[in-house]
Amino acid sequence: MDRKFDPENSDRAAGFMKFRYSGGDTVIQWFDRQALNPWDMLRRYTTGWNYVSKSNAERFRFANATVVALPEAEGCKVDVRMEYHAFTVPGLFGNKGWYVYQTNYVFEDEILDAVEKDVGK
C-alpha cells in the first residue's frame, strides 16, 4: 500500500486481494527530464514498448493488481498480477486510445522481493 495501491476487494478465506492504484496516470513531463514518462513506464514494466509506442505514448497507468496467497508446506505461495494501460497508438496504423499492455513481471518481482524482505524481519 506504500506504493499507492488501495485494497478494493478481498476474500481472506480464498487468499485473494484486488488493489486499485490511487496514484493517477503518468503523463508526459516535458519540463522535468528526471520524471518518468509514459514511454519509460512502458519500457520498464511491459513487453509492449517499441519506438512507435514511445513516440505515441501520452499516458500510462497501473490499472489494477491482484494478489493470491495460498498455503504451502513451508509457508505460502504468493502470486501477483498487474494490469497496465497506456493511452497510445499501437503499431503504425492503430487508433489512438487506451490499450492493455502485457507485463514483463518486473514490477511483480519488485513487490514480491519487498514482501519477502518485510516478512523476513
PDB file of N, CA and C in Angstrom:
ATOM      1  N   MET A   1       0.823  -1.190   0.000  1.00  0.00           N
ATOM      2  CA  MET A   1       0.000   0.000   0.000  1.00  0.00           C
ATOM      3  C   MET A   1       0.868   1.256   0.000  1.00  0.00           C
ATOM      4  N   ASP A   2       2.134   1.117   0.397  1.00  0.00           N
ATOM      5  CA  ASP A   2       3.010   2.284   0.369  1.00  0.00           C
ATOM      6  C   ASP A   2       3.359   2.700  -1.054  1.00  0.00           C
ATOM      7  N   ARG A   3       2.952   1.903  -2.036  1.00  0.00           N
ATOM      8  CA  ARG A   3       3.153   2.256  -3.450  1.00  0.00           C
ATOM      9  C   ARG A   3       1.862   2.754  -4.092  1.00  0.00           C
ATOM     10  N   LYS A   4       0.925   3.195  -3.276  1.00  0.00           N
ATOM     11  CA  LYS A   4      -0.341   3.808  -3.691  1.00  0.00           C
ATOM     12  C   LYS A   4      -1.343   2.802  -4.268  1.00  0.00           C
ATOM     13  N   PHE A   5      -1.283   1.569  -3.821  1.00  0.00           N
ATOM     14  CA  PHE A   5      -2.291   0.581  -4.194  1.00  0.00           C
ATOM     15  C   PHE A   5      -3.223   0.408  -3.010  1.00  0.00           C
ATOM     16  N   ASP A   6      -4.503   0.694  -3.208  1.00  0.00           N
ATOM     17  CA  ASP A   6      -5.501   0.606  -2.151  1.00  0.00           C
ATOM     18  C   ASP A   6      -6.342  -0.656  -2.324  1.00  0.00           C
ATOM     19  N   PRO A   7      -6.619  -1.375  -1.235  1.00  0.00           N
ATOM     20  CA  PRO A   7      -7.462  -2.565  -1.342  1.00  0.00           C
ATOM     21  C   PRO A   7      -8.841  -2.208  -1.891  1.00  0.00           C
ATOM     22  N   GLU A   8      -9.288  -3.001  -2.827  1.00  0.00           N
ATOM     23  CA  GLU A   8     -10.598  -2.776  -3.449  1.00  0.00           C
ATOM     24  C   GLU A   8     -11.553  -3.917  -3.146  1.00  0.00           C
ATOM     25  N   ASN A   9     -11.028  -5.128  -3.103  1.00  0.00           N
ATOM     26  CA  ASN A   9     -11.851  -6.311  -2.926  1.00  0.00           C
ATOM     27  C   ASN A   9     -10.972  -7.392  -2.311  1.00  0.00           C
ATOM     28  N   SER A  10     -11.530  -8.205  -1.423  1.00  0.00           N
ATOM     29  CA  SER A  10     -10.725  -9.284  -0.862  1.00  0.00           C
ATOM     30  C   SER A  10     -11.602 -10.435  -0.401  1.00  0.00           C
ATOM     31  N   ASP A  11     -10.971 -11.585  -0.344  1.00  0.00           N
ATOM     32  CA  ASP A  11     -11.601 -12.788   0.192  1.00  0.00           C
ATOM     33  C   ASP A  11     -10.522 -13.505   0.998  1.00  0.00           C
ATOM     34  N   ARG A  12     -10.553 -13.312   2.300  1.00  0.00           N
ATOM     35  CA  ARG A  12      -9.493 -13.842   3.166  1.00  0.00           C
ATOM     36  C   ARG A  12      -9.411 -15.361   3.089  1.00  0.00           C
ATOM     37  N   ALA A  13     -10.547 -16.027   3.074  1.00  0.00           N
ATOM     38  CA  ALA A  13     -10.552 -17.494   3.033  1.00  0.00           C
ATOM     39  C   ALA A  13      -9.905 -18.022   1.758  1.00  0.00           C
ATOM     40  N   ALA A  14     -10.089 -17.319   0.660  1.00  0.00           N
ATOM     41  CA  ALA A  14      -9.504 -17.746  -0.612  1.00  0.00           C
ATOM     42  C   ALA A  14      -8.092 -17.193  -0.812  1.00  0.00           C
ATOM     43  N   GLY A  15      -7.665 -16.282   0.071  1.00  0.00           N
ATOM     44  CA  GLY A  15      -6.337 -15.693  -0.061  1.00  0.00           C
ATOM     45  C   GLY A  15      -6.232 -14.730  -1.224  1.00  0.00           C
ATOM     46  N   PHE A  16      -7.329 -14.067  -1.567  1.00  0.00           N
ATOM     47  CA  PHE A  16      -7.391 -13.199  -2.752  1.00  0.00           C
ATOM     48  C   PHE A  16      -7.560 -11.738  -2.345  1.00  0.00           C
ATOM     49  N   MET A  17      -6.809 -10.852  -2.998  1.00  0.00           N
ATOM     50  CA  MET A  17      -6.998  -9.410  -2.828  1.00  0.00           C
ATOM     51  C   MET A  17      -6.852  -8.733  -4.172  1.00  0.00           C
ATOM     52  N   LYS A  18      -7.681  -7.735  -4.396  1.00  0.00           N
ATOM     53  CA  LYS A  18      -7.580  -6.912  -5.597  1.00  0.00           C
ATOM     54  C   LYS A  18      -7.314  -5.481  -5.138  1.00  0.00           C
ATOM     55  N   PHE A  19      -6.369  -4.822  -5.808  1.00  0.00           N
ATOM     56  CA  PHE A  19      -5.979  -3.469  -5.446  1.00  0.00           C
ATOM     57  C   PHE A  19      -6.236  -2.516  -6.607  1.00  0.00           C
ATOM     58  N   ARG A  20      -6.548  -1.293  -6.265  1.00  0.00           N
ATOM     59  CA  ARG A  20      -6.727  -0.207  -7.237  1.00  0.00           C
ATOM     60  C   ARG A  20      -5.602   0.791  -7.002  1.00  0.00           C
ATOM     61  N   TYR A  21      -5.000   1.264  -8.078  1.00  0.00           N
ATOM     62  CA  TYR A  21      -3.913   2.236  -7.968  1.00  0.00           C
ATOM     63  C   TYR A  21      -4.496   3.634  -7.799  1.00  0.00           C
ATOM     64  N   SER A  22      -4.057   4.344  -6.759  1.00  0.00           N
ATOM     65  CA  SER A  22      -4.603   5.672  -6.480  1.00  0.00           C
ATOM     66  C   SER A  22      -3.627   6.796  -6.823  1.00  0.00           C
ATOM     67  N   GLY A  23      -2.535   6.466  -7.480  1.00  0.00           N
ATOM     68  CA  GLY A  23      -1.511   7.472  -7.776  1.00  0.00           C
ATOM     69  C   GLY A  23      -1.733   8.246  -9.054  1.00  0.00           C
ATOM     70  N   GLY A  24      -2.795   7.942  -9.789  1.00  0.00           N
ATOM     71  CA  GLY A  24      -3.065   8.653 -11.031  1.00  0.00           C
ATOM     72  C   GLY A  24      -2.213   8.156 -12.190  1.00  0.00           C
ATOM     73  N   ASP A  25      -2.371   8.807 -13.321  1.00  0.00           N
ATOM     74  CA  ASP A  25      -1.655   8.426 -14.535  1.00  0.00           C
ATOM     75  C   ASP A  25      -0.280   9.074 -14.576  1.00  0.00           C
ATOM     76  N   THR A  26       0.633   8.403 -15.253  1.00  0.00           N
ATOM     77  CA  THR A  26       1.917   9.009 -15.572  1.00  0.00           C
ATOM     78  C   THR A  26       1.728   9.714 -16.907  1.00  0.00           C
ATOM     79  N   VAL A  27       2.019  10.992 -16.948  1.00  0.00           N
ATOM     80  CA  VAL A  27       1.832  11.768 -18.168  1.00  0.00           C
ATOM     81  C   VAL A  27       3.166  12.361 -18.612  1.00  0.00           C
ATOM     82  N   ILE A  28       3.200  12.830 -19.842  1.00  0.00           N
ATOM     83  CA  ILE A  28       4.420  13.420 -20.379  1.00  0.00           C
ATOM     84  C   ILE A  28       4.800  14.651 -19.566  1.00  0.00           C
ATOM     85  N   GLN A  29       6.044  14.683 -19.107  1.00  0.00           N
ATOM     86  CA  GLN A  29       6.568  15.798 -18.312  1.00  0.00           C
ATOM     87  C   GLN A  29       7.701  16.462 -19.096  1.00  0.00           C
ATOM     88  N   TRP A  30       7.356  17.257 -20.078  1.00  0.00           N
ATOM     89  CA  TRP A  30       8.388  17.882 -20.918  1.00  0.00           C
ATOM     90  C   TRP A  30       9.294  18.801 -20.116  1.00  0.00           C
ATOM     91  N   PHE A  31       8.774  19.402 -19.067  1.00  0.00           N
ATOM     92  CA  PHE A  31       9.541  20.359 -18.278  1.00  0.00           C
ATOM     93  C   PHE A  31      10.460  19.684 -17.259  1.00  0.00           C
ATOM     94  N   ASP A  32      10.278  18.397 -16.998  1.00  0.00           N
ATOM     95  CA  ASP A  32      11.064  17.697 -15.988  1.00  0.00           C
ATOM     96  C   ASP A  32      11.661  16.434 -16.600  1.00  0.00           C
ATOM     97  N   ARG A  33      12.873  16.531 -17.072  1.00  0.00           N
ATOM     98  CA  ARG A  33      13.529  15.404 -17.743  1.00  0.00           C
ATOM     99  C   ARG A  33      13.856  14.260 -16.786  1.00  0.00           C
ATOM    100  N   GLN A  34      13.834  14.499 -15.469  1.00  0.00           N
ATOM    101  CA  GLN A  34      14.109  13.455 -14.491  1.00  0.00           C
ATOM    102  C   GLN A  34      12.868  12.609 -14.201  1.00  0.00           C
ATOM    103  N   ALA A  35      11.691  13.132 -14.524  1.00  0.00           N
ATOM    104  CA  ALA A  35      10.444  12.419 -14.235  1.00  0.00           C
ATOM    105  C   ALA A  35      10.290  11.227 -15.175  1.00  0.00           C
ATOM    106  N   LEU A  36       9.636  10.174 -14.677  1.00  0.00           N
ATOM    107  CA  LEU A  36       9.312   9.046 -15.545  1.00  0.00           C
ATOM    108  C   LEU A  36       8.176   9.449 -16.468  1.00  0.00           C
ATOM    109  N   ASN A  37       8.339   9.197 -17.729  1.00  0.00           N
ATOM    110  CA  ASN A  37       7.316   9.485 -18.720  1.00  0.00           C
ATOM    111  C   ASN A  37       6.610   8.197 -19.110  1.00  0.00           C
ATOM    112  N   PRO A  38       5.471   8.289 -19.805  1.00  0.00           N
ATOM    113  CA  PRO A  38       4.749   7.076 -20.181  1.00  0.00           C
ATOM    114  C   PRO A  38       5.615   6.062 -20.919  1.00  0.00           C
ATOM    115  N   TRP A  39       6.478   6.516 -21.813  1.00  0.00           N
ATOM    116  CA  TRP A  39       7.300   5.553 -22.550  1.00  0.00           C
ATOM    117  C   TRP A  39       8.341   4.892 -21.643  1.00  0.00           C
ATOM    118  N   ASP A  40       8.796   5.607 -20.600  1.00  0.00           N
ATOM    119  CA  ASP A  40       9.688   4.989 -19.618  1.00  0.00           C
ATOM    120  C   ASP A  40       8.964   3.859 -18.894  1.00  0.00           C
ATOM    121  N   MET A  41       7.715   4.106 -18.526  1.00  0.00           N
ATOM    122  CA  MET A  41       6.930   3.104 -17.811  1.00  0.00           C
ATOM    123  C   MET A  41       6.630   1.904 -18.711  1.00  0.00           C
ATOM    124  N   LEU A  42       6.307   2.158 -19.985  1.00  0.00           N
ATOM    125  CA  LEU A  42       6.081   1.058 -20.930  1.00  0.00           C
ATOM    126  C   LEU A  42       7.336   0.198 -21.039  1.00  0.00           C
ATOM    127  N   ARG A  43       8.482   0.837 -21.184  1.00  0.00           N
ATOM    128  CA  ARG A  43       9.745   0.113 -21.337  1.00  0.00           C
ATOM    129  C   ARG A  43      10.089  -0.656 -20.060  1.00  0.00           C
ATOM    130  N   ARG A  44       9.857  -0.048 -18.920  1.00  0.00           N
ATOM    131  CA  ARG A  44      10.258  -0.651 -17.650  1.00  0.00           C
ATOM    132  C   ARG A  44       9.381  -1.828 -17.239  1.00  0.00           C
ATOM    133  N   TYR A  45       8.076  -1.727 -17.473  1.00  0.00           N
ATOM    134  CA  TYR A  45       7.156  -2.709 -16.904  1.00  0.00           C
ATOM    135  C   TYR A  45       6.389  -3.575 -17.895  1.00  0.00           C
ATOM    136  N   THR A  46       6.501  -3.332 -19.183  1.00  0.00           N
ATOM    137  CA  THR A  46       5.719  -4.117 -20.141  1.00  0.00           C
ATOM    138  C   THR A  46       6.597  -4.679 -21.257  1.00  0.00           C
ATOM    139  N   THR A  47       5.991  -5.574 -22.031  1.00  0.00           N
ATOM    140  CA  THR A  47       6.670  -6.110 -23.210  1.00  0.00           C
ATOM    141  C   THR A  47       6.274  -5.324 -24.453  1.00  0.00           C
ATOM    142  N   GLY A  48       5.422  -4.303 -24.293  1.00  0.00           N
ATOM    143  CA  GLY A  48       4.860  -3.597 -25.435  1.00  0.00           C
ATOM    144  C   GLY A  48       5.613  -2.373 -25.890  1.00  0.00           C
ATOM    145  N   TRP A  49       6.767  -2.080 -25.273  1.00  0.00           N
ATOM    146  CA  TRP A  49       7.493  -0.873 -25.645  1.00  0.00           C
ATOM    147  C   TRP A  49       8.219  -1.087 -26.961  1.00  0.00           C
ATOM    148  N   ASN A  50       8.115  -0.118 -27.837  1.00  0.00           N
ATOM    149  CA  ASN A  50       8.916  -0.067 -29.048  1.00  0.00           C
ATOM    150  C   ASN A  50       8.999   1.397 -29.467  1.00  0.00           C
ATOM    151  N   TYR A  51       9.722   1.694 -30.509  1.00  0.00           N
ATOM    152  CA  TYR A  51       9.912   3.094 -30.884  1.00  0.00           C
ATOM    153  C   TYR A  51       8.615   3.762 -31.337  1.00  0.00           C
ATOM    154  N   VAL A  52       7.696   2.976 -31.892  1.00  0.00           N
ATOM    155  CA  VAL A  52       6.410   3.554 -32.289  1.00  0.00           C
ATOM    156  C   VAL A  52       5.604   3.927 -31.054  1.00  0.00           C
ATOM    157  N   SER A  53       5.518   3.012 -30.077  1.00  0.00           N
ATOM    158  CA  SER A  53       4.743   3.328 -28.875  1.00  0.00           C
ATOM    159  C   SER A  53       5.418   4.432 -28.076  1.00  0.00           C
ATOM    160  N   LYS A  54       6.756   4.508 -28.108  1.00  0.00           N
ATOM    161  CA  LYS A  54       7.454   5.574 -27.388  1.00  0.00           C
ATOM    162  C   LYS A  54       7.032   6.935 -27.917  1.00  0.00           C
ATOM    163  N   SER A  55       7.002   7.073 -29.202  1.00  0.00           N
ATOM    164  CA  SER A  55       6.689   8.375 -29.772  1.00  0.00           C
ATOM    165  C   SER A  55       5.213   8.718 -29.640  1.00  0.00           C
ATOM    166  N   ASN A  56       4.380   7.727 -29.366  1.00  0.00           N
ATOM    167  CA  ASN A  56       2.941   7.968 -29.301  1.00  0.00           C
ATOM    168  C   ASN A  56       2.330   7.791 -27.921  1.00  0.00           C
ATOM    169  N   ALA A  57       3.111   7.418 -26.927  1.00  0.00           N
ATOM    170  CA  ALA A  57       2.563   7.198 -25.582  1.00  0.00           C
ATOM    171  C   ALA A  57       2.335   8.544 -24.905  1.00  0.00           C
ATOM    172  N   GLU A  58       1.083   8.808 -24.529  1.00  0.00           N
ATOM    173  CA  GLU A  58       0.742  10.060 -23.864  1.00  0.00           C
ATOM    174  C   GLU A  58       0.462   9.877 -22.381  1.00  0.00           C
ATOM    175  N   ARG A  59      -0.054   8.706 -21.990  1.00  0.00           N
ATOM    176  CA  ARG A  59      -0.385   8.435 -20.592  1.00  0.00           C
ATOM    177  C   ARG A  59      -0.127   6.961 -20.310  1.00  0.00           C
ATOM    178  N   PHE A  60       0.173   6.674 -19.033  1.00  0.00           N
ATOM    179  CA  PHE A  60       0.390   5.303 -18.585  1.00  0.00           C
ATOM    180  C   PHE A  60      -0.259   5.166 -17.218  1.00  0.00           C
ATOM    181  N   ARG A  61      -0.848   4.002 -16.964  1.00  0.00           N
ATOM    182  CA  ARG A  61      -1.435   3.783 -15.635  1.00  0.00           C
ATOM    183  C   ARG A  61      -1.301   2.319 -15.225  1.00  0.00           C
ATOM    184  N   PHE A  62      -1.180   2.157 -13.913  1.00  0.00           N
ATOM    185  CA  PHE A  62      -1.317   0.843 -13.318  1.00  0.00           C
ATOM    186  C   PHE A  62      -2.827   0.659 -13.170  1.00  0.00           C
ATOM    187  N   ALA A  63      -3.409  -0.235 -13.939  1.00  0.00           N
ATOM    188  CA  ALA A  63      -4.864  -0.375 -13.920  1.00  0.00           C
ATOM    189  C   ALA A  63      -5.331  -1.025 -12.620  1.00  0.00           C
ATOM    190  N   ASN A  64      -4.765  -2.164 -12.281  1.00  0.00           N
ATOM    191  CA  ASN A  64      -5.095  -2.821 -11.028  1.00  0.00           C
ATOM    192  C   ASN A  64      -4.068  -3.904 -10.746  1.00  0.00           C
ATOM    193  N   ALA A  65      -4.142  -4.457  -9.575  1.00  0.00           N
ATOM    194  CA  ALA A  65      -3.255  -5.548  -9.172  1.00  0.00           C
ATOM    195  C   ALA A  65      -4.067  -6.573  -8.416  1.00  0.00           C
ATOM    196  N   THR A  66      -3.769  -7.836  -8.637  1.00  0.00           N
ATOM    197  CA  THR A  66      -4.393  -8.896  -7.866  1.00  0.00           C
ATOM    198  C   THR A  66      -3.294  -9.709  -7.186  1.00  0.00           C
ATOM    199  N   VAL A  67      -3.589 -10.134  -5.971  1.00  0.00           N
ATOM    200  CA  VAL A  67      -2.653 -10.938  -5.190  1.00  0.00           C
ATOM    201  C   VAL A  67      -3.411 -12.160  -4.694  1.00  0.00           C
ATOM    202  N   VAL A  68      -2.813 -13.323  -4.920  1.00  0.00           N
ATOM    203  CA  VAL A  68      -3.367 -14.570  -4.397  1.00  0.00           C
ATOM    204  C   VAL A  68      -2.288 -15.205  -3.533  1.00  0.00           C
ATOM    205  N   ALA A  69      -2.615 -15.466  -2.274  1.00  0.00           N
ATOM    206  CA  ALA A  69      -1.694 -16.110  -1.340  1.00  0.00           C
ATOM    207  C   ALA A  69      -2.312 -17.430  -0.894  1.00  0.00           C
ATOM    208  N   LEU A  70      -1.643 -18.524  -1.232  1.00  0.00           N
ATOM    209  CA  LEU A  70      -2.146 -19.855  -0.902  1.00  0.00           C
ATOM    210  C   LEU A  70      -1.170 -20.577   0.018  1.00  0.00           C
ATOM    211  N   PRO A  71      -1.691 -21.292   1.026  1.00  0.00           N
ATOM    212  CA  PRO A  71      -0.797 -22.011   1.935  1.00  0.00           C
ATOM    213  C   PRO A  71      -0.033 -23.118   1.219  1.00  0.00           C
ATOM    214  N   GLU A  72       1.215 -23.282   1.626  1.00  0.00           N
ATOM    215  CA  GLU A  72       2.062 -24.368   1.135  1.00  0.00           C
ATOM    216  C   GLU A  72       2.720 -25.030   2.327  1.00  0.00           C
ATOM    217  N   ALA A  73       3.421 -26.105   2.107  1.00  0.00           N
ATOM    218  CA  ALA A  73       4.027 -26.868   3.196  1.00  0.00           C
ATOM    219  C   ALA A  73       4.919 -26.019   4.094  1.00  0.00           C
ATOM    220  N   GLU A  74       5.723 -25.156   3.523  1.00  0.00           N
ATOM    221  CA  GLU A  74       6.680 -24.383   4.319  1.00  0.00           C
ATOM    222  C   GLU A  74       6.339 -22.893   4.363  1.00  0.00           C
ATOM    223  N   GLY A  75       5.103 -22.538   4.273  1.00  0.00           N
ATOM    224  CA  GLY A  75       4.721 -21.125   4.297  1.00  0.00           C
ATOM    225  C   GLY A  75       3.542 -20.879   3.374  1.00  0.00           C
ATOM    226  N   CYS A  76       3.742 -19.988   2.419  1.00  0.00           N
ATOM    227  CA  CYS A  76       2.674 -19.736   1.459  1.00  0.00           C
ATOM    228  C   CYS A  76       3.274 -19.363   0.109  1.00  0.00           C
ATOM    229  N   LYS A  77       2.480 -19.555  -0.906  1.00  0.00           N
ATOM    230  CA  LYS A  77       2.861 -19.190  -2.271  1.00  0.00           C
ATOM    231  C   LYS A  77       2.067 -17.936  -2.624  1.00  0.00           C
ATOM    232  N   VAL A  78       2.750 -16.893  -3.092  1.00  0.00           N
ATOM    233  CA  VAL A  78       2.101 -15.627  -3.417  1.00  0.00           C
ATOM    234  C   VAL A  78       2.245 -15.375  -4.910  1.00  0.00           C
ATOM    235  N   ASP A  79       1.123 -15.057  -5.536  1.00  0.00           N
ATOM    236  CA  ASP A  79       1.107 -14.736  -6.969  1.00  0.00           C
ATOM    237  C   ASP A  79       0.596 -13.309  -7.124  1.00  0.00           C
ATOM    238  N   VAL A  80       1.351 -12.470  -7.804  1.00  0.00           N
ATOM    239  CA  VAL A  80       0.973 -11.075  -8.034  1.00  0.00           C
ATOM    240  C   VAL A  80       0.782 -10.875  -9.536  1.00  0.00           C
ATOM    241  N   ARG A  81      -0.306 -10.256  -9.914  1.00  0.00           N
ATOM    242  CA  ARG A  81      -0.590  -9.960 -11.323  1.00  0.00           C
ATOM    243  C   ARG A  81      -0.928  -8.488 -11.476  1.00  0.00           C
ATOM    244  N   MET A  82      -0.272  -7.841 -12.407  1.00  0.00           N
ATOM    245  CA  MET A  82      -0.506  -6.421 -12.676  1.00  0.00           C
ATOM    246  C   MET A  82      -1.190  -6.269 -14.027  1.00  0.00           C
ATOM    247  N   GLU A  83      -1.967  -5.201 -14.151  1.00  0.00           N
ATOM    248  CA  GLU A  83      -2.557  -4.845 -15.436  1.00  0.00           C
ATOM    249  C   GLU A  83      -2.164  -3.403 -15.731  1.00  0.00           C
ATOM    250  N   TYR A  84      -1.614  -3.199 -16.909  1.00  0.00           N
ATOM    251  CA  TYR A  84      -1.141  -1.876 -17.317  1.00  0.00           C
ATOM    252  C   TYR A  84      -1.936  -1.372 -18.507  1.00  0.00           C
ATOM    253  N   HIS A  85      -2.251  -0.095 -18.495  1.00  0.00           N
ATOM    254  CA  HIS A  85      -2.912   0.552 -19.622  1.00  0.00           C
ATOM    255  C   HIS A  85      -2.066   1.737 -20.062  1.00  0.00           C
ATOM    256  N   ALA A  86      -2.067   1.993 -21.357  1.00  0.00           N
ATOM    257  CA  ALA A  86      -1.391   3.187 -21.872  1.00  0.00           C
ATOM    258  C   ALA A  86      -2.265   3.811 -22.947  1.00  0.00           C
ATOM    259  N   PHE A  87      -2.304   5.140 -22.949  1.00  0.00           N
ATOM    260  CA  PHE A  87      -3.021   5.882 -23.984  1.00  0.00           C
ATOM    261  C   PHE A  87      -2.005   6.135 -25.090  1.00  0.00           C
ATOM    262  N   THR A  88      -2.171   5.407 -26.174  1.00  0.00           N
ATOM    263  CA  THR A  88      -1.159   5.416 -27.222  1.00  0.00           C
ATOM    264  C   THR A  88      -1.759   5.012 -28.561  1.00  0.00           C
ATOM    265  N   VAL A  89      -0.927   5.034 -29.583  1.00  0.00           N
ATOM    266  CA  VAL A  89      -1.280   4.497 -30.894  1.00  0.00           C
ATOM    267  C   VAL A  89      -0.410   3.265 -31.087  1.00  0.00           C
ATOM    268  N   PRO A  90      -0.974   2.057 -30.987  1.00  0.00           N
ATOM    269  CA  PRO A  90      -0.158   0.862 -31.165  1.00  0.00           C
ATOM    270  C   PRO A  90       0.098   0.599 -32.642  1.00  0.00           C
ATOM    271  N   GLY A  91       1.312   0.232 -32.976  1.00  0.00           N
ATOM    272  CA  GLY A  91       1.646  -0.066 -34.363  1.00  0.00           C
ATOM    273  C   GLY A  91       1.631   1.175 -35.231  1.00  0.00           C
ATOM    274  N   LEU A  92       1.822   0.987 -36.500  1.00  0.00           N
ATOM    275  CA  LEU A  92       1.887   2.116 -37.431  1.00  0.00           C
ATOM    276  C   LEU A  92       0.519   2.668 -37.803  1.00  0.00           C
ATOM    277  N   PHE A  93      -0.500   1.813 -37.813  1.00  0.00           N
ATOM    278  CA  PHE A  93      -1.803   2.248 -38.307  1.00  0.00           C
ATOM    279  C   PHE A  93      -2.922   2.051 -37.289  1.00  0.00           C
ATOM    280  N   GLY A  94      -2.584   1.982 -36.010  1.00  0.00           N
ATOM    281  CA  GLY A  94      -3.585   1.785 -34.969  1.00  0.00           C
ATOM    282  C   GLY A  94      -4.349   3.061 -34.667  1.00  0.00           C
ATOM    283  N   ASN A  95      -5.388   2.917 -33.889  1.00  0.00           N
ATOM    284  CA  ASN A  95      -6.188   4.050 -33.442  1.00  0.00           C
ATOM    285  C   ASN A  95      -5.734   4.480 -32.061  1.00  0.00           C
ATOM    286  N   LYS A  96      -5.680   5.774 -31.836  1.00  0.00           N
ATOM    287  CA  LYS A  96      -5.294   6.299 -30.530  1.00  0.00           C
ATOM    288  C   LYS A  96      -6.362   5.941 -29.507  1.00  0.00           C
ATOM    289  N   GLY A  97      -5.920   5.478 -28.350  1.00  0.00           N
ATOM    290  CA  GLY A  97      -6.843   5.128 -27.284  1.00  0.00           C
ATOM    291  C   GLY A  97      -6.127   4.391 -26.177  1.00  0.00           C
ATOM    292  N   TRP A  98      -6.902   3.927 -25.198  1.00  0.00           N
ATOM    293  CA  TRP A  98      -6.347   3.168 -24.081  1.00  0.00           C
ATOM    294  C   TRP A  98      -6.191   1.717 -24.502  1.00  0.00           C
ATOM    295  N   TYR A  99      -4.995   1.173 -24.284  1.00  0.00           N
ATOM    296  CA  TYR A  99      -4.703  -0.212 -24.616  1.00  0.00           C
ATOM    297  C   TYR A  99      -4.088  -0.908 -23.409  1.00  0.00           C
ATOM    298  N   VAL A 100      -4.359  -2.210 -23.305  1.00  0.00           N
ATOM    299  CA  VAL A 100      -3.775  -3.036 -22.257  1.00  0.00           C
ATOM    300  C   VAL A 100      -2.433  -3.548 -22.772  1.00  0.00           C
ATOM    301  N   TYR A 101      -1.395  -3.435 -21.936  1.00  0.00           N
ATOM    302  CA  TYR A 101      -0.065  -3.902 -22.305  1.00  0.00           C
ATOM    303  C   TYR A 101       0.340  -5.071 -21.418  1.00  0.00           C
ATOM    304  N   GLN A 102       0.987  -6.065 -22.026  1.00  0.00           N
ATOM    305  CA  GLN A 102       1.430  -7.274 -21.339  1.00  0.00           C
ATOM    306  C   GLN A 102       2.578  -6.964 -20.384  1.00  0.00           C
ATOM    307  N   THR A 103       2.502  -7.501 -19.195  1.00  0.00           N
ATOM    308  CA  THR A 103       3.553  -7.293 -18.201  1.00  0.00           C
ATOM    309  C   THR A 103       4.825  -8.061 -18.563  1.00  0.00           C
ATOM    310  N   ASN A 104       5.953  -7.539 -18.135  1.00  0.00           N
ATOM    311  CA  ASN A 104       7.214  -8.285 -18.232  1.00  0.00           C
ATOM    312  C   ASN A 104       7.618  -8.815 -16.853  1.00  0.00           C
ATOM    313  N   TYR A 105       6.757  -8.659 -15.861  1.00  0.00           N
ATOM    314  CA  TYR A 105       6.882  -9.170 -14.495  1.00  0.00           C
ATOM    315  C   TYR A 105       7.971  -8.485 -13.664  1.00  0.00           C
ATOM    316  N   VAL A 106       8.495  -7.357 -14.108  1.00  0.00           N
ATOM    317  CA  VAL A 106       9.497  -6.633 -13.332  1.00  0.00           C
ATOM    318  C   VAL A 106       8.867  -6.045 -12.069  1.00  0.00           C
ATOM    319  N   PHE A 107       7.726  -5.380 -12.191  1.00  0.00           N
ATOM    320  CA  PHE A 107       7.087  -4.771 -11.029  1.00  0.00           C
ATOM    321  C   PHE A 107       6.608  -5.837 -10.045  1.00  0.00           C
ATOM    322  N   GLU A 108       6.063  -6.929 -10.567  1.00  0.00           N
ATOM    323  CA  GLU A 108       5.622  -8.022  -9.706  1.00  0.00           C
ATOM    324  C   GLU A 108       6.804  -8.566  -8.890  1.00  0.00           C
ATOM    325  N   ASP A 109       7.951  -8.736  -9.540  1.00  0.00           N
ATOM    326  CA  ASP A 109       9.144  -9.210  -8.835  1.00  0.00           C
ATOM    327  C   ASP A 109       9.591  -8.217  -7.765  1.00  0.00           C
ATOM    328  N   GLU A 110       9.509  -6.918  -8.072  1.00  0.00           N
ATOM    329  CA  GLU A 110       9.863  -5.900  -7.082  1.00  0.00           C
ATOM    330  C   GLU A 110       8.950  -5.986  -5.859  1.00  0.00           C
ATOM    331  N   ILE A 111       7.665  -6.188  -6.089  1.00  0.00           N
ATOM    332  CA  ILE A 111       6.703  -6.293  -4.984  1.00  0.00           C
ATOM    333  C   ILE A 111       6.986  -7.543  -4.152  1.00  0.00           C
ATOM    334  N   LEU A 112       7.185  -8.670  -4.806  1.00  0.00           N
ATOM    335  CA  LEU A 112       7.447  -9.911  -4.078  1.00  0.00           C
ATOM    336  C   LEU A 112       8.758  -9.836  -3.293  1.00  0.00           C
ATOM    337  N   ASP A 113       9.774  -9.202  -3.856  1.00  0.00           N
ATOM    338  CA  ASP A 113      11.033  -9.020  -3.135  1.00  0.00           C
ATOM    339  C   ASP A 113      10.822  -8.167  -1.881  1.00  0.00           C
ATOM    340  N   ALA A 114      10.010  -7.112  -1.992  1.00  0.00           N
ATOM    341  CA  ALA A 114       9.742  -6.240  -0.844  1.00  0.00           C
ATOM    342  C   ALA A 114       8.953  -6.995   0.227  1.00  0.00           C
ATOM    343  N   VAL A 115       7.974  -7.812  -0.189  1.00  0.00           N
ATOM    344  CA  VAL A 115       7.194  -8.600   0.770  1.00  0.00           C
ATOM    345  C   VAL A 115       8.097  -9.609   1.468  1.00  0.00           C
ATOM    346  N   GLU A 116       8.925 -10.277   0.706  1.00  0.00           N
ATOM    347  CA  GLU A 116       9.835 -11.272   1.284  1.00  0.00           C
ATOM    348  C   GLU A 116      10.792 -10.626   2.281  1.00  0.00           C
ATOM    349  N   LYS A 117      11.257  -9.431   1.960  1.00  0.00           N
ATOM    350  CA  LYS A 117      12.147  -8.705   2.858  1.00  0.00           C
ATOM    351  C   LYS A 117      11.422  -8.332   4.157  1.00  0.00           C
ATOM    352  N   ASP A 118      10.167  -7.847   4.030  1.00  0.00           N
ATOM    353  CA  ASP A 118       9.388  -7.452   5.214  1.00  0.00           C
ATOM    354  C   ASP A 118       9.028  -8.666   6.076  1.00  0.00           C
ATOM    355  N   VAL A 119       8.697  -9.773   5.455  1.00  0.00           N
ATOM    356  CA  VAL A 119       8.307 -10.976   6.189  1.00  0.00           C
ATOM    357  C   VAL A 119       9.518 -11.547   6.925  1.00  0.00           C
ATOM    358  N   GLY A 120      10.690 -11.410   6.328  1.00  0.00           N
ATOM    359  CA  GLY A 120      11.909 -11.945   6.935  1.00  0.00           C
ATOM    360  C   GLY A 120      12.382 -11.196   8.151  1.00  0.00           C
ATOM    361  N   LYS A 121      11.813 -10.009   8.422  1.00  0.00           N
ATOM    362  CA  LYS A 121      12.244  -9.196   9.569  1.00  0.00           C
ATOM    363  C   LYS A 121      11.726  -9.733  10.868  1.00  0.00           C
TER     364      LYS A 121
END
